[in-house]
């Protein structure tokens, strides 16, 4: 009995053993290969030679019959347990890979000198105006919303201000990146002369 088989021969022997007492059914394929029925496992015809020639497996000289382990083959399997880690183990079909989880998108955030900050969600930029020091916010000049819409065709609507001094700029059909829209929105609001406060 050889001290060791090649990895391909050992994998084949362990694969046949893993199919149970009924044996392993192989289908002939072109190029000198057999494929284990129901799997993608392909093995070269010559890989069988050390096993059949050494009496480790048998198929009753019928290529269409299941290949079964002989007593000698079982003895070899018992004397050679699969090493830790499973190297040279039987063929195992690969599990279907779990669909890749799409990482949760973080909302782009942008801060600007002067106390302005901006956050974007679904092409809506929320601008929070700076604190006025009296419990309110310093807001842009009256009427800036319509001027901004007139100057920027993809700026669809401006909502606000809220009690906290925030505006929501709704952009539509704009090819710029989220980051570019944040910068543009901040530039629009900051460019307007400020009026005193919302309290």
N, C-alpha and C. Protein backbone atom coordinates (compact mmCIF):
# COMPACT_ATOMS: atom_id res chain seq x y z
N UNK A 1 0.86 -1.20 0.00
CA UNK A 1 0.00 0.00 0.00
C UNK A 1 0.88 1.23 0.00
N UNK A 2 0.65 2.18 -0.91
CA UNK A 2 1.50 3.37 -0.94
C UNK A 2 1.35 4.17 0.33
N UNK A 3 2.46 4.81 0.73
CA UNK A 3 2.42 5.61 1.96
C UNK A 3 1.52 6.81 1.78
N UNK A 4 1.44 7.31 0.57
CA UNK A 4 0.65 8.52 0.35
C UNK A 4 0.19 8.58 -1.10
N UNK A 5 -1.01 9.08 -1.29
CA UNK A 5 -1.52 9.34 -2.63
C UNK A 5 -1.27 10.79 -2.98
N UNK A 6 -1.38 11.12 -4.26
CA UNK A 6 -1.35 12.53 -4.64
C UNK A 6 -2.64 13.17 -4.11
N UNK A 7 -2.66 14.49 -3.95
CA UNK A 7 -3.89 15.15 -3.47
C UNK A 7 -5.11 14.82 -4.31
N UNK A 8 -4.95 14.74 -5.64
CA UNK A 8 -6.10 14.46 -6.51
C UNK A 8 -6.64 13.06 -6.27
N UNK A 9 -5.73 12.08 -6.13
CA UNK A 9 -6.15 10.69 -5.92
C UNK A 9 -6.79 10.55 -4.55
N UNK A 10 -6.19 11.17 -3.54
CA UNK A 10 -6.76 11.09 -2.19
C UNK A 10 -8.13 11.74 -2.12
N UNK A 11 -8.29 12.89 -2.77
CA UNK A 11 -9.60 13.55 -2.79
C UNK A 11 -10.64 12.66 -3.46
N UNK A 12 -10.25 12.01 -4.54
CA UNK A 12 -11.18 11.10 -5.23
C UNK A 12 -11.58 9.95 -4.31
N UNK A 13 -10.60 9.35 -3.64
CA UNK A 13 -10.90 8.22 -2.75
C UNK A 13 -11.84 8.65 -1.62
N UNK A 14 -11.58 9.79 -1.02
CA UNK A 14 -12.42 10.26 0.08
C UNK A 14 -13.81 10.67 -0.42
N UNK A 15 -13.86 11.17 -1.65
CA UNK A 15 -15.15 11.55 -2.23
C UNK A 15 -16.02 10.31 -2.46
N UNK A 16 -15.41 9.25 -2.98
CA UNK A 16 -16.14 8.00 -3.19
C UNK A 16 -16.63 7.47 -1.84
N UNK A 17 -15.77 7.52 -0.85
CA UNK A 17 -16.15 7.07 0.49
C UNK A 17 -17.31 7.90 1.03
N UNK A 18 -17.30 9.19 0.76
CA UNK A 18 -18.34 10.09 1.25
C UNK A 18 -19.70 9.85 0.62
N UNK A 19 -19.74 9.13 -0.49
CA UNK A 19 -21.02 8.85 -1.16
C UNK A 19 -21.77 7.68 -0.53
N UNK A 20 -21.15 7.01 0.43
CA UNK A 20 -21.84 5.94 1.15
C UNK A 20 -21.70 4.59 0.47
N UNK A 21 -22.47 3.63 0.99
CA UNK A 21 -22.38 2.25 0.50
C UNK A 21 -22.85 2.10 -0.94
N UNK A 22 -23.70 3.01 -1.41
CA UNK A 22 -24.21 2.92 -2.78
C UNK A 22 -23.16 3.27 -3.82
N UNK A 23 -22.07 3.88 -3.39
CA UNK A 23 -20.99 4.24 -4.31
C UNK A 23 -21.22 5.59 -4.97
N UNK A 24 -20.24 5.98 -5.76
CA UNK A 24 -20.28 7.28 -6.44
C UNK A 24 -20.50 7.08 -7.92
N UNK A 25 -21.52 7.75 -8.47
CA UNK A 25 -21.82 7.63 -9.91
C UNK A 25 -21.14 8.76 -10.67
N UNK A 26 -20.38 8.38 -11.69
CA UNK A 26 -19.66 9.35 -12.51
C UNK A 26 -20.17 9.30 -13.94
N UNK A 27 -20.13 10.43 -14.62
CA UNK A 27 -20.53 10.53 -16.02
C UNK A 27 -19.29 10.89 -16.84
N UNK A 28 -19.09 10.19 -17.95
CA UNK A 28 -17.96 10.47 -18.83
C UNK A 28 -18.16 11.81 -19.52
N UNK A 29 -17.10 12.60 -19.56
CA UNK A 29 -17.13 13.87 -20.28
C UNK A 29 -15.96 13.92 -21.25
N UNK A 30 -16.04 14.82 -22.19
CA UNK A 30 -14.96 14.93 -23.17
C UNK A 30 -13.69 15.41 -22.48
N UNK A 31 -12.56 15.15 -23.14
CA UNK A 31 -11.28 15.61 -22.62
C UNK A 31 -10.68 14.68 -21.57
N UNK A 32 -11.22 13.47 -21.43
CA UNK A 32 -10.65 12.52 -20.50
C UNK A 32 -11.05 12.74 -19.06
N UNK A 33 -12.24 13.28 -18.84
CA UNK A 33 -12.70 13.56 -17.48
C UNK A 33 -14.01 12.84 -17.17
N UNK A 34 -14.20 12.56 -15.89
CA UNK A 34 -15.48 12.09 -15.37
C UNK A 34 -16.01 13.16 -14.43
N UNK A 35 -17.33 13.31 -14.37
CA UNK A 35 -17.96 14.25 -13.44
C UNK A 35 -18.85 13.49 -12.49
N UNK A 36 -18.74 13.81 -11.21
CA UNK A 36 -19.58 13.18 -10.20
C UNK A 36 -21.01 13.68 -10.39
N UNK A 37 -21.95 12.75 -10.52
CA UNK A 37 -23.35 13.10 -10.80
C UNK A 37 -23.89 14.05 -9.73
N UNK A 38 -24.55 15.09 -10.21
CA UNK A 38 -25.19 16.05 -9.30
C UNK A 38 -24.25 17.10 -8.74
N UNK A 39 -23.01 17.12 -9.21
CA UNK A 39 -22.03 18.11 -8.71
C UNK A 39 -21.23 18.67 -9.88
N UNK A 40 -20.36 19.60 -9.57
CA UNK A 40 -19.43 20.15 -10.56
C UNK A 40 -18.06 19.50 -10.45
N UNK A 41 -17.94 18.51 -9.59
CA UNK A 41 -16.64 17.86 -9.37
C UNK A 41 -16.25 17.05 -10.59
N UNK A 42 -15.11 17.42 -11.21
CA UNK A 42 -14.58 16.72 -12.37
C UNK A 42 -13.23 16.12 -12.00
N UNK A 43 -13.00 14.91 -12.48
CA UNK A 43 -11.75 14.23 -12.16
C UNK A 43 -11.22 13.55 -13.41
N UNK A 44 -9.92 13.65 -13.61
CA UNK A 44 -9.30 13.04 -14.79
C UNK A 44 -9.36 11.53 -14.70
N UNK A 45 -9.49 10.89 -15.85
CA UNK A 45 -9.59 9.42 -15.90
C UNK A 45 -8.38 8.76 -15.25
N UNK A 46 -7.19 9.35 -15.47
CA UNK A 46 -5.97 8.73 -14.94
C UNK A 46 -5.92 8.75 -13.41
N UNK A 47 -6.73 9.63 -12.79
CA UNK A 47 -6.74 9.70 -11.33
C UNK A 47 -7.30 8.42 -10.72
N UNK A 48 -8.15 7.73 -11.47
CA UNK A 48 -8.73 6.47 -10.98
C UNK A 48 -7.70 5.32 -10.96
N UNK A 49 -6.66 5.40 -11.82
CA UNK A 49 -5.78 4.26 -12.02
C UNK A 49 -5.13 3.75 -10.73
N UNK A 50 -4.55 4.62 -9.87
CA UNK A 50 -3.95 4.08 -8.64
C UNK A 50 -4.96 3.41 -7.72
N UNK A 51 -6.22 3.86 -7.78
CA UNK A 51 -7.25 3.29 -6.91
C UNK A 51 -7.76 1.96 -7.43
N UNK A 52 -8.06 1.91 -8.74
CA UNK A 52 -8.55 0.64 -9.31
C UNK A 52 -7.42 -0.37 -9.39
N UNK A 53 -6.23 0.09 -9.80
CA UNK A 53 -5.09 -0.82 -9.93
C UNK A 53 -4.65 -1.37 -8.58
N UNK A 54 -4.78 -0.57 -7.52
CA UNK A 54 -4.37 -1.01 -6.20
C UNK A 54 -5.46 -1.71 -5.43
N UNK A 55 -6.66 -1.79 -6.01
CA UNK A 55 -7.74 -2.51 -5.36
C UNK A 55 -8.44 -1.72 -4.25
N UNK A 56 -8.38 -0.40 -4.31
CA UNK A 56 -9.03 0.43 -3.29
C UNK A 56 -10.49 0.71 -3.64
N UNK A 57 -10.82 0.67 -4.93
CA UNK A 57 -12.20 0.88 -5.38
C UNK A 57 -12.51 -0.15 -6.48
N UNK A 58 -13.80 -0.31 -6.75
CA UNK A 58 -14.21 -1.23 -7.81
C UNK A 58 -15.46 -0.71 -8.50
N UNK A 59 -15.61 -1.03 -9.77
CA UNK A 59 -16.83 -0.67 -10.51
C UNK A 59 -17.33 -1.84 -11.35
N UNK A 60 -16.84 -3.04 -11.05
CA UNK A 60 -17.22 -4.26 -11.78
C UNK A 60 -16.94 -4.14 -13.28
N UNK A 61 -15.89 -3.40 -13.61
CA UNK A 61 -15.49 -3.19 -15.02
C UNK A 61 -16.61 -2.61 -15.87
N UNK A 62 -17.42 -1.78 -15.24
CA UNK A 62 -18.55 -1.13 -15.94
C UNK A 62 -18.45 0.37 -15.70
N UNK A 63 -18.14 1.11 -16.78
CA UNK A 63 -17.94 2.56 -16.63
C UNK A 63 -19.20 3.28 -16.16
N UNK A 64 -20.37 2.67 -16.40
CA UNK A 64 -21.61 3.34 -16.01
C UNK A 64 -22.07 2.94 -14.60
N UNK A 65 -21.37 1.99 -13.98
CA UNK A 65 -21.76 1.54 -12.64
C UNK A 65 -21.15 2.45 -11.57
N UNK A 66 -21.80 2.54 -10.40
CA UNK A 66 -21.22 3.35 -9.32
C UNK A 66 -19.88 2.78 -8.88
N UNK A 67 -18.96 3.67 -8.53
CA UNK A 67 -17.65 3.26 -8.04
C UNK A 67 -17.75 3.13 -6.52
N UNK A 68 -17.37 1.95 -6.00
CA UNK A 68 -17.50 1.69 -4.57
C UNK A 68 -16.16 1.40 -3.94
N UNK A 69 -16.05 1.70 -2.66
CA UNK A 69 -14.85 1.39 -1.90
C UNK A 69 -14.79 -0.11 -1.64
N UNK A 70 -13.60 -0.68 -1.71
CA UNK A 70 -13.39 -2.07 -1.31
C UNK A 70 -12.99 -2.09 0.17
N UNK A 71 -12.82 -3.25 0.71
CA UNK A 71 -12.37 -3.37 2.10
C UNK A 71 -11.01 -2.71 2.27
N UNK A 72 -10.16 -2.84 1.26
CA UNK A 72 -8.83 -2.23 1.31
C UNK A 72 -8.95 -0.70 1.31
N UNK A 73 -9.90 -0.19 0.53
CA UNK A 73 -10.11 1.26 0.51
C UNK A 73 -10.61 1.79 1.84
N UNK A 74 -11.53 1.06 2.45
CA UNK A 74 -12.05 1.47 3.77
C UNK A 74 -10.94 1.44 4.82
N UNK A 75 -10.10 0.44 4.74
CA UNK A 75 -8.99 0.33 5.69
C UNK A 75 -8.05 1.53 5.56
N UNK A 76 -7.79 1.93 4.30
CA UNK A 76 -6.90 3.08 4.09
C UNK A 76 -7.54 4.35 4.67
N UNK A 77 -8.84 4.53 4.46
CA UNK A 77 -9.53 5.70 5.00
C UNK A 77 -9.44 5.72 6.53
N UNK A 78 -9.63 4.55 7.15
CA UNK A 78 -9.58 4.49 8.62
C UNK A 78 -8.19 4.80 9.15
N UNK A 79 -7.17 4.39 8.42
CA UNK A 79 -5.80 4.61 8.86
C UNK A 79 -5.28 6.01 8.55
N UNK A 80 -6.02 6.73 7.71
CA UNK A 80 -5.57 8.07 7.31
C UNK A 80 -6.71 9.07 7.51
N UNK A 81 -6.94 9.49 8.74
CA UNK A 81 -8.01 10.48 8.97
C UNK A 81 -7.67 11.79 8.27
N UNK A 82 -8.73 12.54 7.95
CA UNK A 82 -8.52 13.82 7.28
C UNK A 82 -7.77 14.74 8.24
N UNK A 83 -6.68 15.36 7.79
CA UNK A 83 -5.93 16.25 8.69
C UNK A 83 -6.79 17.40 9.17
N UNK A 84 -6.42 17.95 10.32
CA UNK A 84 -7.13 19.11 10.85
C UNK A 84 -7.12 20.22 9.81
N UNK A 85 -8.25 20.85 9.61
CA UNK A 85 -8.35 21.88 8.59
C UNK A 85 -8.97 21.36 7.32
N UNK A 86 -9.03 20.01 7.17
CA UNK A 86 -9.75 19.43 6.05
C UNK A 86 -8.98 19.34 4.75
N UNK A 87 -7.65 19.55 4.77
CA UNK A 87 -6.92 19.45 3.52
C UNK A 87 -6.99 18.02 3.01
N UNK A 88 -7.04 17.89 1.73
CA UNK A 88 -7.15 16.59 1.06
C UNK A 88 -8.39 15.82 1.50
N UNK A 89 -9.41 16.54 1.86
CA UNK A 89 -10.67 15.90 2.21
C UNK A 89 -11.47 15.59 0.97
N UNK A 90 -12.69 15.10 1.14
CA UNK A 90 -13.53 14.81 -0.02
C UNK A 90 -13.99 16.10 -0.68
N UNK A 91 -14.44 15.95 -1.91
CA UNK A 91 -15.01 17.11 -2.60
C UNK A 91 -16.25 17.59 -1.87
N UNK A 92 -16.33 18.87 -1.63
CA UNK A 92 -17.51 19.47 -1.02
C UNK A 92 -18.04 20.55 -1.94
N UNK A 93 -19.31 20.46 -2.33
CA UNK A 93 -19.85 21.55 -3.18
C UNK A 93 -19.80 22.85 -2.42
N UNK A 94 -19.48 23.90 -3.13
CA UNK A 94 -19.43 25.22 -2.50
C UNK A 94 -20.83 25.68 -2.15
N UNK A 95 -20.94 26.24 -0.96
CA UNK A 95 -22.22 26.84 -0.58
C UNK A 95 -22.45 28.08 -1.42
N UNK A 96 -23.73 28.33 -1.72
CA UNK A 96 -24.05 29.55 -2.44
C UNK A 96 -23.62 30.73 -1.59
N UNK A 97 -22.88 31.63 -2.20
CA UNK A 97 -22.38 32.77 -1.46
C UNK A 97 -23.52 33.71 -1.12
N UNK A 98 -23.56 34.11 0.12
CA UNK A 98 -24.61 35.04 0.53
C UNK A 98 -24.46 36.33 -0.24
N UNK A 99 -25.60 36.91 -0.59
CA UNK A 99 -25.57 38.17 -1.33
C UNK A 99 -24.84 39.21 -0.51
N UNK A 100 -24.04 39.98 -1.20
CA UNK A 100 -23.27 40.99 -0.51
C UNK A 100 -24.17 42.04 0.09
N UNK A 101 -23.92 42.33 1.34
CA UNK A 101 -24.72 43.35 1.99
C UNK A 101 -24.26 44.72 1.50
N UNK A 102 -25.22 45.49 1.04
CA UNK A 102 -24.88 46.85 0.65
C UNK A 102 -24.72 47.68 1.91
N UNK A 103 -23.54 48.27 2.09
CA UNK A 103 -23.36 49.05 3.30
C UNK A 103 -24.35 50.21 3.35
N UNK A 104 -24.78 50.49 4.55
CA UNK A 104 -25.74 51.59 4.70
C UNK A 104 -25.05 52.89 4.33
N UNK A 105 -25.70 53.62 3.45
CA UNK A 105 -25.11 54.87 2.99
C UNK A 105 -25.20 55.92 4.09
N UNK A 106 -24.09 56.54 4.35
CA UNK A 106 -24.09 57.61 5.32
C UNK A 106 -24.48 58.90 4.63
N UNK A 107 -25.30 59.66 5.27
CA UNK A 107 -25.70 60.93 4.67
C UNK A 107 -24.50 61.86 4.61
N UNK A 108 -24.25 62.46 3.44
CA UNK A 108 -23.16 63.41 3.37
C UNK A 108 -23.43 64.60 4.29
N UNK A 109 -22.41 64.97 5.02
CA UNK A 109 -22.53 66.12 5.91
C UNK A 109 -21.43 67.08 5.61
N UNK A 110 -21.70 68.35 5.78
CA UNK A 110 -20.71 69.36 5.43
C UNK A 110 -20.81 70.52 6.42
N UNK A 111 -19.69 70.92 6.94
CA UNK A 111 -19.66 72.08 7.83
C UNK A 111 -18.92 73.22 7.15
N UNK A 112 -19.25 74.42 7.52
CA UNK A 112 -18.65 75.58 6.88
C UNK A 112 -18.35 76.63 7.93
N UNK A 113 -17.28 77.36 7.71
CA UNK A 113 -16.94 78.43 8.64
C UNK A 113 -18.09 79.42 8.73
N UNK A 114 -18.30 79.96 9.89
CA UNK A 114 -19.38 80.92 10.08
C UNK A 114 -20.59 80.28 10.73
N UNK A 115 -20.51 78.98 11.06
CA UNK A 115 -21.60 78.34 11.77
C UNK A 115 -22.60 77.61 10.91
N UNK A 116 -22.52 77.72 9.58
CA UNK A 116 -23.45 76.99 8.71
C UNK A 116 -23.08 75.51 8.69
N UNK A 117 -24.09 74.66 8.62
CA UNK A 117 -23.85 73.23 8.40
C UNK A 117 -24.91 72.72 7.43
N UNK A 118 -24.60 71.64 6.74
CA UNK A 118 -25.54 71.12 5.74
C UNK A 118 -25.54 69.61 5.79
N UNK A 119 -26.71 69.03 5.48
CA UNK A 119 -26.88 67.58 5.41
C UNK A 119 -27.78 67.27 4.23
N UNK A 120 -27.44 66.19 3.49
CA UNK A 120 -28.20 65.88 2.29
C UNK A 120 -28.83 64.50 2.40
N UNK A 121 -30.12 64.38 2.04
CA UNK A 121 -30.81 63.10 1.98
C UNK A 121 -31.76 63.12 0.80
N UNK A 122 -31.56 62.19 -0.15
CA UNK A 122 -32.42 62.08 -1.33
C UNK A 122 -32.53 63.40 -2.08
N UNK A 123 -31.37 63.98 -2.35
CA UNK A 123 -31.25 65.23 -3.14
C UNK A 123 -31.95 66.40 -2.47
N UNK A 124 -32.09 66.35 -1.17
CA UNK A 124 -32.61 67.48 -0.40
C UNK A 124 -31.50 67.91 0.55
N UNK A 125 -31.05 69.12 0.40
CA UNK A 125 -29.99 69.64 1.27
C UNK A 125 -30.65 70.46 2.37
N UNK A 126 -30.35 70.08 3.62
CA UNK A 126 -30.88 70.83 4.75
C UNK A 126 -29.78 71.72 5.28
N UNK A 127 -30.01 73.03 5.18
CA UNK A 127 -29.04 74.02 5.65
C UNK A 127 -29.50 74.52 7.01
N UNK A 128 -28.63 74.42 7.99
CA UNK A 128 -28.92 74.97 9.31
C UNK A 128 -28.11 76.25 9.46
N UNK A 129 -28.80 77.35 9.69
CA UNK A 129 -28.14 78.66 9.79
C UNK A 129 -27.45 78.79 11.15
N UNK A 130 -26.44 79.66 11.23
CA UNK A 130 -25.69 79.80 12.48
C UNK A 130 -26.53 80.40 13.60
N UNK A 131 -26.15 80.06 14.81
CA UNK A 131 -26.81 80.59 16.01
C UNK A 131 -26.53 82.09 16.11
N UNK A 132 -27.55 82.84 16.53
CA UNK A 132 -27.36 84.30 16.65
C UNK A 132 -26.94 84.73 18.05
N UNK A 133 -26.77 83.74 18.94
CA UNK A 133 -26.34 84.07 20.29
C UNK A 133 -27.47 84.46 21.22
N UNK A 134 -28.68 84.55 20.70
CA UNK A 134 -29.83 84.93 21.53
C UNK A 134 -30.91 83.86 21.52
N UNK A 135 -30.52 82.63 21.28
CA UNK A 135 -31.50 81.55 21.24
C UNK A 135 -32.20 81.42 19.92
N UNK A 136 -31.70 82.05 18.88
CA UNK A 136 -32.31 81.97 17.56
C UNK A 136 -31.24 81.74 16.51
N UNK A 137 -31.56 82.01 15.25
CA UNK A 137 -30.62 81.79 14.15
C UNK A 137 -30.53 83.04 13.29
N UNK A 138 -29.36 83.24 12.69
CA UNK A 138 -29.16 84.33 11.75
C UNK A 138 -29.55 83.83 10.36
N UNK A 139 -30.60 84.43 9.79
CA UNK A 139 -31.17 83.94 8.53
C UNK A 139 -30.73 84.79 7.35
N UNK A 140 -30.81 84.23 6.13
CA UNK A 140 -30.51 85.02 4.94
C UNK A 140 -31.58 86.10 4.74
N UNK A 141 -31.29 87.02 3.84
CA UNK A 141 -32.20 88.13 3.56
C UNK A 141 -33.53 87.62 3.02
N UNK A 142 -34.58 88.42 3.25
CA UNK A 142 -35.91 88.06 2.75
C UNK A 142 -35.89 87.92 1.23
N UNK A 143 -36.65 86.92 0.73
CA UNK A 143 -36.79 86.75 -0.72
C UNK A 143 -35.67 85.99 -1.39
N UNK A 144 -34.70 85.51 -0.61
CA UNK A 144 -33.57 84.82 -1.23
C UNK A 144 -34.00 83.51 -1.89
N UNK A 145 -35.06 82.91 -1.38
CA UNK A 145 -35.49 81.61 -1.90
C UNK A 145 -35.86 81.70 -3.38
N UNK A 146 -36.67 82.69 -3.74
CA UNK A 146 -37.09 82.83 -5.12
C UNK A 146 -35.92 83.21 -6.03
N UNK A 147 -35.03 84.07 -5.50
CA UNK A 147 -33.84 84.43 -6.30
C UNK A 147 -33.00 83.19 -6.59
N UNK A 148 -32.85 82.32 -5.58
CA UNK A 148 -32.04 81.11 -5.77
C UNK A 148 -32.69 80.18 -6.80
N UNK A 149 -34.01 80.05 -6.73
CA UNK A 149 -34.71 79.18 -7.69
C UNK A 149 -34.58 79.73 -9.09
N UNK A 150 -34.67 81.05 -9.23
CA UNK A 150 -34.56 81.68 -10.55
C UNK A 150 -33.17 81.48 -11.15
N UNK A 151 -32.14 81.50 -10.30
CA UNK A 151 -30.76 81.41 -10.79
C UNK A 151 -30.31 79.97 -11.05
N UNK A 152 -30.96 79.01 -10.37
CA UNK A 152 -30.51 77.62 -10.47
C UNK A 152 -31.67 76.75 -10.95
N UNK A 153 -31.69 76.40 -12.24
CA UNK A 153 -32.82 75.68 -12.83
C UNK A 153 -33.13 74.33 -12.16
N UNK A 154 -32.12 73.67 -11.58
CA UNK A 154 -32.39 72.36 -10.97
C UNK A 154 -32.79 72.47 -9.50
N UNK A 155 -32.81 73.69 -8.95
CA UNK A 155 -33.31 73.88 -7.59
C UNK A 155 -34.82 74.00 -7.69
N UNK A 156 -35.51 72.99 -7.21
CA UNK A 156 -36.94 72.86 -7.44
C UNK A 156 -37.77 73.63 -6.41
N UNK A 157 -37.36 73.57 -5.15
CA UNK A 157 -38.17 74.18 -4.10
C UNK A 157 -37.29 74.45 -2.89
N UNK A 158 -37.65 75.50 -2.13
CA UNK A 158 -36.97 75.79 -0.86
C UNK A 158 -38.03 75.84 0.22
N UNK A 159 -37.83 75.06 1.27
CA UNK A 159 -38.76 75.06 2.40
C UNK A 159 -38.06 75.66 3.63
N UNK A 160 -38.82 76.34 4.44
CA UNK A 160 -38.26 76.86 5.69
C UNK A 160 -38.49 78.35 5.79
N UNK A 161 -37.99 78.95 6.85
CA UNK A 161 -37.15 78.32 7.87
C UNK A 161 -37.97 77.61 8.94
N UNK A 162 -37.33 76.60 9.57
CA UNK A 162 -37.95 75.94 10.70
C UNK A 162 -37.66 76.76 11.96
N UNK A 163 -38.24 76.34 13.07
CA UNK A 163 -38.00 77.03 14.34
C UNK A 163 -36.52 77.05 14.67
N UNK A 164 -35.81 75.97 14.30
CA UNK A 164 -34.38 75.90 14.59
C UNK A 164 -33.52 76.66 13.60
N UNK A 165 -34.14 77.30 12.63
CA UNK A 165 -33.37 78.08 11.65
C UNK A 165 -32.78 77.24 10.54
N UNK A 166 -33.55 76.28 10.01
CA UNK A 166 -33.06 75.41 8.94
C UNK A 166 -33.93 75.56 7.69
N UNK A 167 -33.29 75.42 6.53
CA UNK A 167 -33.98 75.44 5.23
C UNK A 167 -33.73 74.09 4.53
N UNK A 168 -34.69 73.66 3.75
CA UNK A 168 -34.53 72.44 2.94
C UNK A 168 -34.55 72.84 1.47
N UNK A 169 -33.44 72.58 0.79
CA UNK A 169 -33.33 72.88 -0.63
C UNK A 169 -33.54 71.60 -1.42
N UNK A 170 -34.60 71.55 -2.22
CA UNK A 170 -34.95 70.37 -3.00
C UNK A 170 -34.37 70.50 -4.41
N UNK A 171 -33.44 69.61 -4.75
CA UNK A 171 -32.84 69.62 -6.08
C UNK A 171 -33.47 68.50 -6.91
N UNK A 172 -33.62 68.75 -8.21
CA UNK A 172 -34.23 67.75 -9.09
C UNK A 172 -33.51 67.75 -10.42
N UNK A 173 -33.28 66.53 -10.95
CA UNK A 173 -32.64 66.36 -12.26
C UNK A 173 -31.30 67.08 -12.33
N UNK A 174 -30.53 66.96 -11.26
CA UNK A 174 -29.21 67.60 -11.22
C UNK A 174 -28.16 66.50 -11.25
N UNK A 175 -27.23 66.60 -12.19
CA UNK A 175 -26.24 65.54 -12.38
C UNK A 175 -25.05 65.65 -11.44
N UNK A 176 -24.98 66.68 -10.65
CA UNK A 176 -23.83 66.85 -9.75
C UNK A 176 -23.87 65.83 -8.61
N UNK A 177 -22.72 65.61 -8.03
CA UNK A 177 -22.64 64.68 -6.91
C UNK A 177 -23.28 65.31 -5.68
N UNK A 178 -23.55 64.46 -4.69
CA UNK A 178 -24.12 64.97 -3.44
C UNK A 178 -23.21 66.02 -2.81
N UNK A 179 -21.91 65.72 -2.83
CA UNK A 179 -20.97 66.68 -2.25
C UNK A 179 -21.01 68.02 -2.95
N UNK A 180 -21.11 67.99 -4.28
CA UNK A 180 -21.18 69.26 -5.03
C UNK A 180 -22.45 70.03 -4.70
N UNK A 181 -23.55 69.29 -4.52
CA UNK A 181 -24.80 69.97 -4.17
C UNK A 181 -24.72 70.59 -2.77
N UNK A 182 -24.05 69.92 -1.85
CA UNK A 182 -23.88 70.49 -0.52
C UNK A 182 -23.11 71.80 -0.59
N UNK A 183 -22.01 71.78 -1.32
CA UNK A 183 -21.18 72.99 -1.45
C UNK A 183 -21.97 74.10 -2.13
N UNK A 184 -22.69 73.76 -3.22
CA UNK A 184 -23.47 74.76 -3.94
C UNK A 184 -24.56 75.36 -3.05
N UNK A 185 -25.25 74.49 -2.29
CA UNK A 185 -26.33 74.97 -1.43
C UNK A 185 -25.81 75.91 -0.36
N UNK A 186 -24.69 75.54 0.25
CA UNK A 186 -24.11 76.42 1.27
C UNK A 186 -23.68 77.76 0.67
N UNK A 187 -23.12 77.70 -0.53
CA UNK A 187 -22.67 78.93 -1.18
C UNK A 187 -23.86 79.85 -1.47
N UNK A 188 -24.99 79.27 -1.89
CA UNK A 188 -26.18 80.08 -2.18
C UNK A 188 -26.67 80.79 -0.93
N UNK A 189 -26.79 80.03 0.17
CA UNK A 189 -27.34 80.62 1.39
C UNK A 189 -26.38 81.62 2.01
N UNK A 190 -25.10 81.30 2.02
CA UNK A 190 -24.12 82.19 2.65
C UNK A 190 -23.94 83.49 1.87
N UNK A 191 -24.20 83.43 0.56
CA UNK A 191 -23.99 84.63 -0.26
C UNK A 191 -25.05 85.69 -0.01
N UNK A 192 -26.18 85.30 0.62
CA UNK A 192 -27.25 86.26 0.87
C UNK A 192 -26.95 87.10 2.10
N UNK A 193 -27.15 88.41 2.01
CA UNK A 193 -26.96 89.23 3.21
C UNK A 193 -27.89 88.73 4.30
N UNK A 194 -27.39 88.72 5.53
CA UNK A 194 -28.21 88.16 6.61
C UNK A 194 -29.14 89.20 7.23
N UNK A 195 -30.26 88.72 7.69
CA UNK A 195 -31.15 89.54 8.49
C UNK A 195 -31.05 89.04 9.91
N UNK A 196 -31.52 89.80 10.83
CA UNK A 196 -31.23 89.50 12.22
C UNK A 196 -31.73 88.13 12.62
N UNK A 197 -32.66 87.86 13.33
CA UNK A 197 -32.79 86.54 13.90
C UNK A 197 -34.18 85.98 13.85
N UNK A 198 -34.17 84.64 13.95
CA UNK A 198 -35.41 83.90 14.15
C UNK A 198 -35.31 83.38 15.57
N UNK A 199 -36.28 83.71 16.42
CA UNK A 199 -36.22 83.27 17.81
C UNK A 199 -37.37 82.34 18.12
